[in-house]
C-alpha cells in the first residue's frame, strides 16, 4: 500500500525537529514494553515504549522503533504526545479523533498502527502498576 501524503508529511516533520522528538529511551522507566505490531503482512514493526509514572499517570513517555514503516513512527509519536499526563483508563480511551487531531488528517492504516501501539502501552502500564 502506498504511504498517504498526511503520513509522509508528519513523518518528515519528526526528523526535521530533533529538539521536539519523543524518540529515545528513558533510563529508569517504570513502563518498559516491546511489541511486534505491524498490521501489514510480512512486516515487523518493533516498537519499544518507555514511560515514567507519577502515581498512576504517565509523566514522561518516549518510543523507539526498529524495522518500522512510517505509519508506526507517526502512530508512536502521536501516542506519546496524546498519552503524556494520562492514566491507564484515559490512554485506553484515546480514539480516532485524538489521533486525527494531531495527525492533521485521516489515515485508516495509521490509526490501525495507533490502536496496536495504544494497546501495548496500556498493557505496559498495567504491568508497571501491578508490580
N, C-alpha and C. Protein backbone atom coordinates (compact mmCIF):
# COMPACT_ATOMS: atom_id res chain seq x y z
N UNK A 1 0.85 -1.18 0.00
CA UNK A 1 0.00 0.00 0.00
C UNK A 1 0.89 1.24 0.00
N UNK A 2 0.55 2.22 -0.76
CA UNK A 2 1.32 3.46 -0.83
C UNK A 2 1.12 4.27 0.45
N UNK A 3 2.16 4.96 0.82
CA UNK A 3 2.07 5.81 2.01
C UNK A 3 1.21 7.03 1.70
N UNK A 4 0.38 7.42 2.62
CA UNK A 4 -0.50 8.56 2.43
C UNK A 4 0.27 9.87 2.63
N UNK A 5 -0.08 10.91 1.87
CA UNK A 5 0.62 12.19 2.00
C UNK A 5 0.62 12.74 3.43
N UNK A 6 -0.47 12.59 4.16
CA UNK A 6 -0.54 13.11 5.53
C UNK A 6 0.46 12.37 6.43
N UNK A 7 0.67 11.08 6.19
CA UNK A 7 1.65 10.30 6.96
C UNK A 7 3.06 10.74 6.60
N UNK A 8 3.34 10.88 5.32
CA UNK A 8 4.68 11.29 4.88
C UNK A 8 5.02 12.68 5.42
N UNK A 9 4.07 13.60 5.39
CA UNK A 9 4.32 14.95 5.92
C UNK A 9 4.68 14.89 7.40
N UNK A 10 3.91 14.17 8.19
CA UNK A 10 4.17 14.07 9.63
C UNK A 10 5.50 13.35 9.87
N UNK A 11 5.75 12.29 9.13
CA UNK A 11 6.99 11.51 9.26
C UNK A 11 8.21 12.41 9.02
N UNK A 12 8.16 13.22 7.98
CA UNK A 12 9.28 14.13 7.68
C UNK A 12 9.46 15.15 8.80
N UNK A 13 8.36 15.64 9.36
CA UNK A 13 8.44 16.60 10.46
C UNK A 13 9.10 15.99 11.69
N UNK A 14 8.89 14.69 11.91
CA UNK A 14 9.52 14.01 13.04
C UNK A 14 11.03 14.17 13.01
N UNK A 15 11.59 14.09 11.83
CA UNK A 15 13.04 14.10 11.70
C UNK A 15 13.60 15.49 11.40
N UNK A 16 12.74 16.47 11.17
CA UNK A 16 13.24 17.81 10.89
C UNK A 16 13.28 18.68 12.15
N UNK A 17 12.68 18.22 13.25
CA UNK A 17 12.69 18.95 14.52
C UNK A 17 13.21 18.06 15.64
N UNK A 18 14.50 17.70 15.64
CA UNK A 18 15.01 16.75 16.63
C UNK A 18 14.87 17.23 18.07
N UNK A 19 14.84 18.52 18.30
CA UNK A 19 14.68 19.04 19.66
C UNK A 19 13.32 18.75 20.26
N UNK A 20 12.34 18.50 19.42
CA UNK A 20 10.98 18.21 19.89
C UNK A 20 10.66 16.72 19.85
N UNK A 21 11.65 15.91 19.55
CA UNK A 21 11.43 14.48 19.35
C UNK A 21 11.12 13.75 20.65
N UNK A 22 10.24 12.79 20.57
CA UNK A 22 9.95 11.89 21.68
C UNK A 22 10.57 10.52 21.44
N UNK A 23 11.49 10.45 20.49
CA UNK A 23 12.20 9.20 20.23
C UNK A 23 13.36 9.07 21.21
N UNK A 24 13.52 7.88 21.74
CA UNK A 24 14.63 7.61 22.63
C UNK A 24 14.20 6.75 23.79
N UNK A 25 15.17 6.40 24.60
CA UNK A 25 14.94 5.55 25.76
C UNK A 25 14.94 6.42 27.01
N UNK A 26 14.15 6.04 27.99
CA UNK A 26 14.13 6.72 29.28
C UNK A 26 14.80 5.79 30.29
N UNK A 27 15.91 6.24 30.84
CA UNK A 27 16.59 5.45 31.87
C UNK A 27 15.73 5.41 33.13
N UNK A 28 15.64 4.26 33.75
CA UNK A 28 14.86 4.10 34.96
C UNK A 28 13.35 4.14 34.74
N UNK A 29 12.92 3.83 33.54
CA UNK A 29 11.49 3.85 33.22
C UNK A 29 10.74 2.77 33.99
N UNK A 30 9.58 3.13 34.54
CA UNK A 30 8.73 2.12 35.18
C UNK A 30 7.95 1.33 34.13
N UNK A 31 7.59 1.99 33.05
CA UNK A 31 6.91 1.33 31.94
C UNK A 31 7.96 1.08 30.87
N UNK A 32 8.16 -0.19 30.56
CA UNK A 32 9.13 -0.56 29.52
C UNK A 32 8.59 -1.81 28.84
N UNK A 33 8.14 -1.64 27.60
CA UNK A 33 7.50 -2.76 26.91
C UNK A 33 7.83 -2.72 25.43
N UNK A 34 7.92 -3.91 24.84
CA UNK A 34 8.23 -4.05 23.41
C UNK A 34 7.15 -4.91 22.77
N UNK A 35 6.84 -4.58 21.52
CA UNK A 35 5.89 -5.40 20.78
C UNK A 35 6.17 -5.36 19.29
N UNK A 36 5.85 -6.45 18.61
CA UNK A 36 5.88 -6.50 17.14
C UNK A 36 4.45 -6.29 16.69
N UNK A 37 4.19 -5.14 16.08
CA UNK A 37 2.81 -4.68 15.95
C UNK A 37 2.28 -4.45 14.56
N UNK A 38 3.07 -4.60 13.52
CA UNK A 38 2.63 -4.16 12.20
C UNK A 38 1.42 -4.95 11.70
N UNK A 39 0.34 -4.24 11.30
CA UNK A 39 -0.80 -4.93 10.74
C UNK A 39 -0.58 -5.37 9.29
N UNK A 40 0.50 -4.91 8.66
CA UNK A 40 0.80 -5.33 7.29
C UNK A 40 1.42 -6.72 7.33
N UNK A 41 0.99 -7.59 6.45
CA UNK A 41 1.53 -8.95 6.42
C UNK A 41 2.99 -8.93 6.01
N UNK A 42 3.80 -9.64 6.77
CA UNK A 42 5.21 -9.78 6.43
C UNK A 42 6.11 -8.71 7.03
N UNK A 43 5.55 -7.59 7.47
CA UNK A 43 6.38 -6.55 8.07
C UNK A 43 6.41 -6.73 9.58
N UNK A 44 7.49 -6.31 10.18
CA UNK A 44 7.65 -6.45 11.63
C UNK A 44 8.04 -5.12 12.24
N UNK A 45 7.07 -4.30 12.57
CA UNK A 45 7.35 -3.07 13.31
C UNK A 45 7.66 -3.48 14.74
N UNK A 46 8.86 -3.20 15.20
CA UNK A 46 9.20 -3.47 16.59
C UNK A 46 9.17 -2.14 17.32
N UNK A 47 8.20 -2.00 18.19
CA UNK A 47 8.00 -0.76 18.93
C UNK A 47 8.40 -0.96 20.38
N UNK A 48 9.19 -0.03 20.89
CA UNK A 48 9.61 -0.02 22.28
C UNK A 48 9.03 1.24 22.91
N UNK A 49 8.32 1.09 24.02
CA UNK A 49 7.74 2.22 24.73
C UNK A 49 8.34 2.30 26.13
N UNK A 50 8.71 3.52 26.54
CA UNK A 50 9.32 3.77 27.84
C UNK A 50 8.56 4.90 28.51
N UNK A 51 8.18 4.69 29.77
CA UNK A 51 7.44 5.74 30.46
C UNK A 51 7.81 5.85 31.93
N UNK A 52 7.75 7.07 32.42
CA UNK A 52 7.90 7.35 33.84
C UNK A 52 6.51 7.64 34.39
N UNK A 53 6.25 7.15 35.58
CA UNK A 53 4.95 7.34 36.21
C UNK A 53 5.03 8.31 37.37
N UNK A 54 3.98 9.09 37.53
CA UNK A 54 3.78 9.93 38.69
C UNK A 54 2.45 9.47 39.27
N UNK A 55 2.53 8.60 40.25
CA UNK A 55 1.32 7.93 40.73
C UNK A 55 0.86 6.96 39.65
N UNK A 56 -0.35 7.16 39.15
CA UNK A 56 -0.89 6.29 38.10
C UNK A 56 -0.84 6.93 36.73
N UNK A 57 -0.29 8.14 36.65
CA UNK A 57 -0.24 8.87 35.38
C UNK A 57 1.15 8.83 34.76
N UNK A 58 1.16 8.83 33.43
CA UNK A 58 2.43 8.92 32.71
C UNK A 58 2.95 10.35 32.80
N UNK A 59 4.10 10.53 33.41
CA UNK A 59 4.67 11.87 33.49
C UNK A 59 5.59 12.14 32.30
N UNK A 60 6.12 11.08 31.73
CA UNK A 60 7.03 11.20 30.59
C UNK A 60 6.93 9.91 29.79
N UNK A 61 6.99 10.03 28.48
CA UNK A 61 6.93 8.84 27.62
C UNK A 61 7.74 9.08 26.36
N UNK A 62 8.46 8.04 25.96
CA UNK A 62 9.25 8.07 24.72
C UNK A 62 9.10 6.72 24.02
N UNK A 63 9.54 6.68 22.77
CA UNK A 63 9.47 5.45 21.99
C UNK A 63 10.72 5.27 21.16
N UNK A 64 10.94 4.04 20.77
CA UNK A 64 11.96 3.69 19.79
C UNK A 64 11.34 2.68 18.84
N UNK A 65 11.74 2.74 17.58
CA UNK A 65 11.24 1.82 16.56
C UNK A 65 12.40 1.10 15.90
N UNK A 66 12.18 -0.15 15.59
CA UNK A 66 13.12 -0.93 14.79
C UNK A 66 12.31 -1.56 13.66
N UNK A 67 12.79 -1.44 12.46
CA UNK A 67 12.14 -2.01 11.28
C UNK A 67 10.75 -1.42 11.05
N UNK A 68 10.50 -0.22 11.54
CA UNK A 68 9.17 0.38 11.45
C UNK A 68 8.94 1.10 10.14
N UNK A 69 7.72 1.01 9.65
CA UNK A 69 7.32 1.79 8.49
C UNK A 69 6.88 3.18 8.98
N UNK A 70 6.73 4.14 8.08
CA UNK A 70 6.33 5.49 8.51
C UNK A 70 5.04 5.53 9.33
N UNK A 71 4.09 4.67 9.02
CA UNK A 71 2.84 4.66 9.79
C UNK A 71 3.10 4.42 11.28
N UNK A 72 4.02 3.49 11.60
CA UNK A 72 4.28 3.19 13.01
C UNK A 72 5.04 4.32 13.69
N UNK A 73 6.02 4.90 13.01
CA UNK A 73 6.71 6.05 13.60
C UNK A 73 5.71 7.14 13.95
N UNK A 74 4.83 7.45 13.03
CA UNK A 74 3.84 8.51 13.23
C UNK A 74 2.87 8.11 14.35
N UNK A 75 2.38 6.89 14.33
CA UNK A 75 1.44 6.43 15.36
C UNK A 75 2.08 6.49 16.74
N UNK A 76 3.34 6.05 16.85
CA UNK A 76 4.03 6.06 18.14
C UNK A 76 4.23 7.48 18.65
N UNK A 77 4.60 8.38 17.77
CA UNK A 77 4.80 9.77 18.18
C UNK A 77 3.47 10.38 18.65
N UNK A 78 2.42 10.17 17.90
CA UNK A 78 1.11 10.71 18.29
C UNK A 78 0.65 10.09 19.60
N UNK A 79 0.88 8.80 19.78
CA UNK A 79 0.51 8.15 21.04
C UNK A 79 1.25 8.79 22.21
N UNK A 80 2.54 8.99 22.07
CA UNK A 80 3.32 9.58 23.16
C UNK A 80 2.84 10.99 23.48
N UNK A 81 2.57 11.77 22.47
CA UNK A 81 2.07 13.14 22.69
C UNK A 81 0.68 13.13 23.33
N UNK A 82 -0.15 12.17 22.96
CA UNK A 82 -1.52 12.08 23.48
C UNK A 82 -1.57 11.49 24.88
N UNK A 83 -0.65 10.58 25.20
CA UNK A 83 -0.72 9.82 26.45
C UNK A 83 -0.07 10.54 27.64
N UNK A 84 0.82 11.46 27.39
CA UNK A 84 1.52 12.15 28.48
C UNK A 84 0.52 12.81 29.42
N UNK A 85 0.69 12.56 30.71
CA UNK A 85 -0.18 13.14 31.72
C UNK A 85 -1.45 12.35 31.99
N UNK A 86 -1.63 11.25 31.28
CA UNK A 86 -2.87 10.47 31.41
C UNK A 86 -2.65 9.19 32.22
N UNK A 87 -3.74 8.71 32.84
CA UNK A 87 -3.71 7.42 33.49
C UNK A 87 -4.08 6.33 32.48
N UNK A 88 -4.04 5.09 32.93
CA UNK A 88 -4.27 3.96 32.03
C UNK A 88 -5.64 4.02 31.35
N UNK A 89 -6.67 4.37 32.09
CA UNK A 89 -8.01 4.43 31.51
C UNK A 89 -8.11 5.51 30.44
N UNK A 90 -7.49 6.64 30.69
CA UNK A 90 -7.52 7.73 29.70
C UNK A 90 -6.71 7.36 28.46
N UNK A 91 -5.60 6.64 28.65
CA UNK A 91 -4.82 6.18 27.50
C UNK A 91 -5.66 5.21 26.68
N UNK A 92 -6.33 4.27 27.36
CA UNK A 92 -7.16 3.28 26.66
C UNK A 92 -8.30 3.95 25.89
N UNK A 93 -8.72 5.13 26.33
CA UNK A 93 -9.84 5.83 25.68
C UNK A 93 -9.40 6.71 24.51
N UNK A 94 -8.09 6.83 24.26
CA UNK A 94 -7.64 7.63 23.11
C UNK A 94 -8.24 7.02 21.84
N UNK A 95 -8.86 7.85 21.03
CA UNK A 95 -9.64 7.35 19.91
C UNK A 95 -9.21 7.95 18.58
N UNK A 96 -10.00 7.67 17.56
CA UNK A 96 -9.72 8.16 16.22
C UNK A 96 -9.62 9.68 16.19
N UNK A 97 -10.50 10.36 16.89
CA UNK A 97 -10.47 11.82 16.90
C UNK A 97 -9.18 12.34 17.52
N UNK A 98 -8.71 11.69 18.59
CA UNK A 98 -7.44 12.08 19.22
C UNK A 98 -6.29 11.93 18.24
N UNK A 99 -6.29 10.82 17.52
CA UNK A 99 -5.24 10.53 16.54
C UNK A 99 -5.27 11.53 15.39
N UNK A 100 -6.44 11.71 14.79
CA UNK A 100 -6.55 12.58 13.61
C UNK A 100 -6.30 14.04 13.94
N UNK A 101 -6.61 14.46 15.16
CA UNK A 101 -6.36 15.85 15.54
C UNK A 101 -4.86 16.17 15.47
N UNK A 102 -4.03 15.30 16.02
CA UNK A 102 -2.59 15.53 15.98
C UNK A 102 -2.00 15.25 14.61
N UNK A 103 -2.55 14.27 13.91
CA UNK A 103 -2.07 13.95 12.57
C UNK A 103 -2.37 15.09 11.60
N UNK A 104 -3.50 15.72 11.78
CA UNK A 104 -3.91 16.77 10.86
C UNK A 104 -4.63 16.24 9.65
N UNK A 105 -5.22 15.07 9.78
CA UNK A 105 -5.94 14.46 8.67
C UNK A 105 -6.33 13.04 9.01
N UNK A 106 -6.72 12.30 7.99
CA UNK A 106 -7.20 10.94 8.17
C UNK A 106 -6.21 9.93 7.58
N UNK A 107 -6.02 8.82 8.29
CA UNK A 107 -5.22 7.71 7.80
C UNK A 107 -5.72 6.43 8.46
N UNK A 108 -6.60 5.69 7.78
CA UNK A 108 -7.10 4.45 8.37
C UNK A 108 -5.98 3.47 8.75
N UNK A 109 -4.98 3.33 7.89
CA UNK A 109 -3.88 2.41 8.21
C UNK A 109 -3.06 2.95 9.38
N UNK A 110 -2.85 4.24 9.40
CA UNK A 110 -2.14 4.84 10.52
C UNK A 110 -2.86 4.62 11.84
N UNK A 111 -4.20 4.72 11.81
CA UNK A 111 -4.97 4.51 13.03
C UNK A 111 -4.89 3.06 13.48
N UNK A 112 -4.82 2.11 12.55
CA UNK A 112 -4.62 0.71 12.93
C UNK A 112 -3.31 0.54 13.70
N UNK A 113 -2.25 1.19 13.23
CA UNK A 113 -0.97 1.16 13.93
C UNK A 113 -1.11 1.81 15.31
N UNK A 114 -1.81 2.95 15.38
CA UNK A 114 -2.01 3.67 16.63
C UNK A 114 -2.73 2.78 17.65
N UNK A 115 -3.79 2.08 17.22
CA UNK A 115 -4.54 1.22 18.14
C UNK A 115 -3.65 0.13 18.72
N UNK A 116 -2.81 -0.47 17.88
CA UNK A 116 -1.92 -1.53 18.37
C UNK A 116 -0.91 -0.97 19.36
N UNK A 117 -0.36 0.20 19.06
CA UNK A 117 0.60 0.83 19.97
C UNK A 117 -0.09 1.22 21.29
N UNK A 118 -1.31 1.73 21.20
CA UNK A 118 -2.07 2.10 22.40
C UNK A 118 -2.31 0.88 23.29
N UNK A 119 -2.69 -0.24 22.68
CA UNK A 119 -2.92 -1.47 23.45
C UNK A 119 -1.64 -1.92 24.14
N UNK A 120 -0.51 -1.79 23.46
CA UNK A 120 0.78 -2.16 24.05
C UNK A 120 1.08 -1.26 25.24
N UNK A 121 0.85 0.03 25.11
CA UNK A 121 1.11 0.96 26.20
C UNK A 121 0.21 0.66 27.40
N UNK A 122 -1.05 0.40 27.16
CA UNK A 122 -1.97 0.07 28.26
C UNK A 122 -1.48 -1.18 28.98
N UNK A 123 -1.05 -2.19 28.24
CA UNK A 123 -0.50 -3.40 28.86
C UNK A 123 0.74 -3.08 29.69
N UNK A 124 1.63 -2.27 29.14
CA UNK A 124 2.83 -1.88 29.88
C UNK A 124 2.51 -1.13 31.16
N UNK A 125 1.51 -0.26 31.11
CA UNK A 125 1.09 0.47 32.31
C UNK A 125 0.48 -0.47 33.34
N UNK A 126 -0.32 -1.44 32.88
CA UNK A 126 -0.91 -2.42 33.79
C UNK A 126 0.18 -3.19 34.51
N UNK A 127 1.17 -3.65 33.74
CA UNK A 127 2.27 -4.42 34.33
C UNK A 127 3.04 -3.58 35.34
N UNK A 128 3.32 -2.33 35.01
CA UNK A 128 4.09 -1.46 35.91
C UNK A 128 3.31 -1.15 37.18
N UNK A 129 2.02 -0.91 37.06
CA UNK A 129 1.21 -0.55 38.22
C UNK A 129 0.89 -1.75 39.10
N UNK A 130 0.92 -2.95 38.54
CA UNK A 130 0.63 -4.15 39.31
C UNK A 130 1.86 -4.72 40.00
N UNK A 131 3.04 -4.20 39.66
CA UNK A 131 4.26 -4.77 40.25
C UNK A 131 4.65 -4.06 41.53
